[in-house]
């Protein structure tokens, strides 16, 4: 049975947070875990991860997770806001920039017309193309069923 990657990451992060030392105000090192649940050097991290956590530890982890989610959400909102501001700054301001004399792109007079791109000619005769077009019109107008359309199309294409 495979364990999803997200669960592995969550478990690894939980282990790291539970065993990482925390600096107190007086710069002495204190551990997050209470003295009664100190890490047993004879047990592997997998065995330690399987031990049930106390309610206080679960609440603490949930609170830390919520704080991390809020921080990530706030960071994402800041990035989105900064991007919007950059986009707004990049757009010309219209009349106000014309009045101040700042650089504006020149106005285009007339319209730009492009020829449609044509594909290579079909390897079908004009008669076959016309018959296929008529068949397609009947199909689009619901005069024939999809099965009839495909059988007739196959017949037309199979002809020499």
C-alpha atoms as a PDB file:
ATOM      1  CA  UNK A   1       0.000   0.000   0.000  1.00  0.00           C
ATOM      2  CA  UNK A   2       1.407   3.394  -0.916  1.00  0.00           C
ATOM      3  CA  UNK A   3       1.249   6.367   1.416  1.00  0.00           C
ATOM      4  CA  UNK A   4       0.306   9.638  -0.287  1.00  0.00           C
ATOM      5  CA  UNK A   5       3.104  12.190  -0.539  1.00  0.00           C
ATOM      6  CA  UNK A   6       1.116  14.832   1.307  1.00  0.00           C
ATOM      7  CA  UNK A   7       0.820  12.579   4.353  1.00  0.00           C
ATOM      8  CA  UNK A   8       4.543  11.955   4.312  1.00  0.00           C
ATOM      9  CA  UNK A   9       5.234  15.680   4.230  1.00  0.00           C
ATOM     10  CA  UNK A  10       2.754  16.393   7.027  1.00  0.00           C
ATOM     11  CA  UNK A  11       4.222  13.657   9.211  1.00  0.00           C
ATOM     12  CA  UNK A  12       7.781  14.792   8.569  1.00  0.00           C
ATOM     13  CA  UNK A  13       6.882  18.404   9.360  1.00  0.00           C
ATOM     14  CA  UNK A  14       5.127  17.314  12.547  1.00  0.00           C
ATOM     15  CA  UNK A  15       8.174  15.360  13.657  1.00  0.00           C
ATOM     16  CA  UNK A  16      10.461  18.295  12.919  1.00  0.00           C
ATOM     17  CA  UNK A  17       8.266  20.744  14.798  1.00  0.00           C
ATOM     18  CA  UNK A  18       7.830  18.439  17.783  1.00  0.00           C
ATOM     19  CA  UNK A  19      11.548  17.749  18.193  1.00  0.00           C
ATOM     20  CA  UNK A  20      13.021  21.152  17.231  1.00  0.00           C
ATOM     21  CA  UNK A  21      14.482  23.228  20.083  1.00  0.00           C
ATOM     22  CA  UNK A  22      12.946  26.620  20.785  1.00  0.00           C
ATOM     23  CA  UNK A  23      14.880  29.618  22.093  1.00  0.00           C
ATOM     24  CA  UNK A  24      13.335  31.265  25.121  1.00  0.00           C
ATOM     25  CA  UNK A  25      13.675  34.919  26.087  1.00  0.00           C
ATOM     26  CA  UNK A  26      16.819  34.206  28.110  1.00  0.00           C
ATOM     27  CA  UNK A  27      18.422  32.455  25.050  1.00  0.00           C
ATOM     28  CA  UNK A  28      18.496  29.078  26.748  1.00  0.00           C
ATOM     29  CA  UNK A  29      17.324  26.131  24.674  1.00  0.00           C
ATOM     30  CA  UNK A  30      13.983  24.592  25.612  1.00  0.00           C
ATOM     31  CA  UNK A  31      12.202  21.777  23.845  1.00  0.00           C
ATOM     32  CA  UNK A  32       8.613  21.817  22.664  1.00  0.00           C
ATOM     33  CA  UNK A  33       7.901  18.396  24.118  1.00  0.00           C
ATOM     34  CA  UNK A  34       7.191  17.965  27.836  1.00  0.00           C
ATOM     35  CA  UNK A  35       9.815  16.178  29.930  1.00  0.00           C
ATOM     36  CA  UNK A  36       7.642  13.056  30.200  1.00  0.00           C
ATOM     37  CA  UNK A  37       7.663  12.559  26.423  1.00  0.00           C
ATOM     38  CA  UNK A  38      11.385  12.981  25.715  1.00  0.00           C
ATOM     39  CA  UNK A  39      12.627  11.141  22.643  1.00  0.00           C
ATOM     40  CA  UNK A  40      13.716   7.600  23.352  1.00  0.00           C
ATOM     41  CA  UNK A  41      16.957   6.940  21.482  1.00  0.00           C
ATOM     42  CA  UNK A  42      16.074   3.248  21.099  1.00  0.00           C
ATOM     43  CA  UNK A  43      12.948   4.051  19.017  1.00  0.00           C
ATOM     44  CA  UNK A  44      12.966   4.972  15.355  1.00  0.00           C
ATOM     45  CA  UNK A  45      11.160   8.123  14.146  1.00  0.00           C
ATOM     46  CA  UNK A  46       8.481   5.923  12.540  1.00  0.00           C
ATOM     47  CA  UNK A  47       7.691   4.302  15.905  1.00  0.00           C
ATOM     48  CA  UNK A  48       7.659   7.687  17.617  1.00  0.00           C
ATOM     49  CA  UNK A  49       5.269   9.070  14.979  1.00  0.00           C
ATOM     50  CA  UNK A  50       2.807   6.264  15.713  1.00  0.00           C
ATOM     51  CA  UNK A  51       2.510   7.155  19.400  1.00  0.00           C
ATOM     52  CA  UNK A  52      -0.737   8.954  20.215  1.00  0.00           C
ATOM     53  CA  UNK A  53      -0.428  12.663  20.958  1.00  0.00           C
ATOM     54  CA  UNK A  54      -2.054  14.286  23.952  1.00  0.00           C
ATOM     55  CA  UNK A  55      -4.999  16.655  23.478  1.00  0.00           C
ATOM     56  CA  UNK A  56      -2.818  19.634  24.358  1.00  0.00           C
ATOM     57  CA  UNK A  57      -0.272  18.689  21.711  1.00  0.00           C
ATOM     58  CA  UNK A  58      -3.020  18.193  19.125  1.00  0.00           C
ATOM     59  CA  UNK A  59      -4.517  21.603  19.936  1.00  0.00           C
ATOM     60  CA  UNK A  60      -1.082  23.204  19.733  1.00  0.00           C
ATOM     61  CA  UNK A  61      -0.417  21.607  16.335  1.00  0.00           C
ATOM     62  CA  UNK A  62      -3.833  22.689  15.056  1.00  0.00           C
ATOM     63  CA  UNK A  63      -3.193  26.258  16.202  1.00  0.00           C
ATOM     64  CA  UNK A  64       0.230  26.282  14.524  1.00  0.00           C
ATOM     65  CA  UNK A  65      -1.297  24.910  11.339  1.00  0.00           C
ATOM     66  CA  UNK A  66      -3.984  27.629  11.329  1.00  0.00           C
ATOM     67  CA  UNK A  67      -1.341  30.314  11.878  1.00  0.00           C
ATOM     68  CA  UNK A  68       0.726  28.949   8.990  1.00  0.00           C
ATOM     69  CA  UNK A  69      -2.335  28.841   6.723  1.00  0.00           C
ATOM     70  CA  UNK A  70      -3.270  32.425   7.630  1.00  0.00           C
ATOM     71  CA  UNK A  71       0.287  33.563   6.965  1.00  0.00           C
ATOM     72  CA  UNK A  72       0.336  31.797   3.598  1.00  0.00           C
ATOM     73  CA  UNK A  73      -3.032  33.283   2.666  1.00  0.00           C
ATOM     74  CA  UNK A  74      -1.897  36.772   3.673  1.00  0.00           C
ATOM     75  CA  UNK A  75       1.293  36.339   1.640  1.00  0.00           C
ATOM     76  CA  UNK A  76      -0.715  35.244  -1.404  1.00  0.00           C
ATOM     77  CA  UNK A  77      -3.010  38.263  -1.028  1.00  0.00           C
ATOM     78  CA  UNK A  78       0.018  40.566  -0.789  1.00  0.00           C
ATOM     79  CA  UNK A  79       1.476  39.074  -3.974  1.00  0.00           C
ATOM     80  CA  UNK A  80      -1.829  39.439  -5.809  1.00  0.00           C
ATOM     81  CA  UNK A  81      -2.178  43.036  -4.656  1.00  0.00           C
ATOM     82  CA  UNK A  82       1.388  43.828  -5.723  1.00  0.00           C
ATOM     83  CA  UNK A  83       0.760  42.294  -9.152  1.00  0.00           C
ATOM     84  CA  UNK A  84      -2.405  44.360  -9.578  1.00  0.00           C
ATOM     85  CA  UNK A  85      -0.497  47.505  -8.648  1.00  0.00           C
ATOM     86  CA  UNK A  86       2.250  46.660 -11.141  1.00  0.00           C
ATOM     87  CA  UNK A  87      -0.322  46.063 -13.865  1.00  0.00           C
ATOM     88  CA  UNK A  88      -2.070  49.327 -13.033  1.00  0.00           C
ATOM     89  CA  UNK A  89       1.247  51.180 -13.133  1.00  0.00           C
ATOM     90  CA  UNK A  90       2.095  49.585 -16.478  1.00  0.00           C
ATOM     91  CA  UNK A  91      -1.164  50.733 -18.088  1.00  0.00           C
ATOM     92  CA  UNK A  92      -1.192  54.209 -19.620  1.00  0.00           C
ATOM     93  CA  UNK A  93      -3.294  56.577 -17.582  1.00  0.00           C
ATOM     94  CA  UNK A  94      -5.068  58.057 -20.614  1.00  0.00           C
ATOM     95  CA  UNK A  95      -5.911  61.761 -20.450  1.00  0.00           C
ATOM     96  CA  UNK A  96      -3.820  62.502 -17.387  1.00  0.00           C
ATOM     97  CA  UNK A  97      -0.608  61.338 -19.101  1.00  0.00           C
ATOM     98  CA  UNK A  98      -1.474  63.286 -22.240  1.00  0.00           C
ATOM     99  CA  UNK A  99      -1.925  66.413 -20.166  1.00  0.00           C
ATOM    100  CA  UNK A 100       1.390  65.945 -18.394  1.00  0.00           C
ATOM    101  CA  UNK A 101       3.242  65.191 -21.635  1.00  0.00           C
ATOM    102  CA  UNK A 102       4.602  61.773 -20.706  1.00  0.00           C
ATOM    103  CA  UNK A 103       5.487  59.197 -23.329  1.00  0.00           C
ATOM    104  CA  UNK A 104       2.526  57.495 -24.923  1.00  0.00           C
ATOM    105  CA  UNK A 105       2.512  54.960 -27.691  1.00  0.00           C
ATOM    106  CA  UNK A 106       1.550  56.525 -31.011  1.00  0.00           C
ATOM    107  CA  UNK A 107      -2.081  56.176 -32.025  1.00  0.00           C
ATOM    108  CA  UNK A 108      -2.683  53.827 -34.924  1.00  0.00           C
ATOM    109  CA  UNK A 109      -4.570  55.307 -37.824  1.00  0.00           C
ATOM    110  CA  UNK A 110      -6.690  52.892 -39.801  1.00  0.00           C
ATOM    111  CA  UNK A 111      -7.164  49.211 -39.225  1.00  0.00           C
ATOM    112  CA  UNK A 112      -4.834  46.321 -39.680  1.00  0.00           C
ATOM    113  CA  UNK A 113      -6.186  43.714 -42.074  1.00  0.00           C
ATOM    114  CA  UNK A 114      -4.745  40.258 -42.364  1.00  0.00           C
ATOM    115  CA  UNK A 115      -5.452  37.638 -44.978  1.00  0.00           C
ATOM    116  CA  UNK A 116      -6.886  34.425 -43.588  1.00  0.00           C
ATOM    117  CA  UNK A 117      -4.438  31.572 -43.658  1.00  0.00           C
ATOM    118  CA  UNK A 118      -5.386  28.927 -46.182  1.00  0.00           C
ATOM    119  CA  UNK A 119      -4.597  25.295 -45.603  1.00  0.00           C
ATOM    120  CA  UNK A 120      -3.203  22.963 -48.228  1.00  0.00           C
ATOM    121  CA  UNK A 121      -5.658  21.796 -50.883  1.00  0.00           C
ATOM    122  CA  UNK A 122      -7.602  18.656 -50.077  1.00  0.00           C
ATOM    123  CA  UNK A 123      -6.685  15.532 -52.041  1.00  0.00           C
ATOM    124  CA  UNK A 124     -10.346  15.217 -53.107  1.00  0.00           C
ATOM    125  CA  UNK A 125     -12.033  16.080 -56.348  1.00  0.00           C
ATOM    126  CA  UNK A 126     -14.374  19.051 -56.510  1.00  0.00           C
ATOM    127  CA  UNK A 127     -17.351  16.683 -56.941  1.00  0.00           C
ATOM    128  CA  UNK A 128     -16.485  14.781 -53.734  1.00  0.00           C
ATOM    129  CA  UNK A 129     -15.978  18.018 -51.821  1.00  0.00           C
ATOM    130  CA  UNK A 130     -19.382  19.292 -52.937  1.00  0.00           C
ATOM    131  CA  UNK A 131     -21.113  16.028 -51.997  1.00  0.00           C
ATOM    132  CA  UNK A 132     -19.407  16.011 -48.578  1.00  0.00           C
ATOM    133  CA  UNK A 133     -20.447  19.638 -47.993  1.00  0.00           C
ATOM    134  CA  UNK A 134     -24.074  18.814 -48.865  1.00  0.00           C
ATOM    135  CA  UNK A 135     -23.975  15.771 -46.582  1.00  0.00           C
ATOM    136  CA  UNK A 136     -22.585  17.890 -43.755  1.00  0.00           C
ATOM    137  CA  UNK A 137     -25.345  20.479 -44.224  1.00  0.00           C
ATOM    138  CA  UNK A 138     -27.978  17.731 -43.956  1.00  0.00           C
ATOM    139  CA  UNK A 139     -26.309  16.427 -40.798  1.00  0.00           C
ATOM    140  CA  UNK A 140     -26.139  19.882 -39.196  1.00  0.00           C
ATOM    141  CA  UNK A 141     -29.809  20.470 -40.051  1.00  0.00           C
ATOM    142  CA  UNK A 142     -30.717  17.165 -38.324  1.00  0.00           C
ATOM    143  CA  UNK A 143     -32.117  15.722 -41.529  1.00  0.00           C
ATOM    144  CA  UNK A 144     -29.979  12.583 -41.140  1.00  0.00           C
ATOM    145  CA  UNK A 145     -28.711  10.664 -38.121  1.00  0.00           C
ATOM    146  CA  UNK A 146     -25.036  10.539 -37.133  1.00  0.00           C
ATOM    147  CA  UNK A 147     -24.876   6.900 -38.231  1.00  0.00           C
ATOM    148  CA  UNK A 148     -26.251   7.772 -41.662  1.00  0.00           C
ATOM    149  CA  UNK A 149     -23.831  10.682 -41.964  1.00  0.00           C
ATOM    150  CA  UNK A 150     -20.790   8.539 -41.184  1.00  0.00           C
ATOM    151  CA  UNK A 151     -21.806   5.694 -43.486  1.00  0.00           C
ATOM    152  CA  UNK A 152     -22.498   8.059 -46.410  1.00  0.00           C
ATOM    153  CA  UNK A 153     -19.252   9.946 -45.753  1.00  0.00           C
ATOM    154  CA  UNK A 154     -17.304   6.692 -45.740  1.00  0.00           C
ATOM    155  CA  UNK A 155     -18.922   5.694 -49.047  1.00  0.00           C
ATOM    156  CA  UNK A 156     -18.036   9.030 -50.662  1.00  0.00           C
ATOM    157  CA  UNK A 157     -14.440   8.900 -49.454  1.00  0.00           C
ATOM    158  CA  UNK A 158     -14.030   5.257 -50.530  1.00  0.00           C
ATOM    159  CA  UNK A 159     -15.005   5.997 -54.126  1.00  0.00           C
ATOM    160  CA  UNK A 160     -12.128   6.240 -56.630  1.00  0.00           C
END
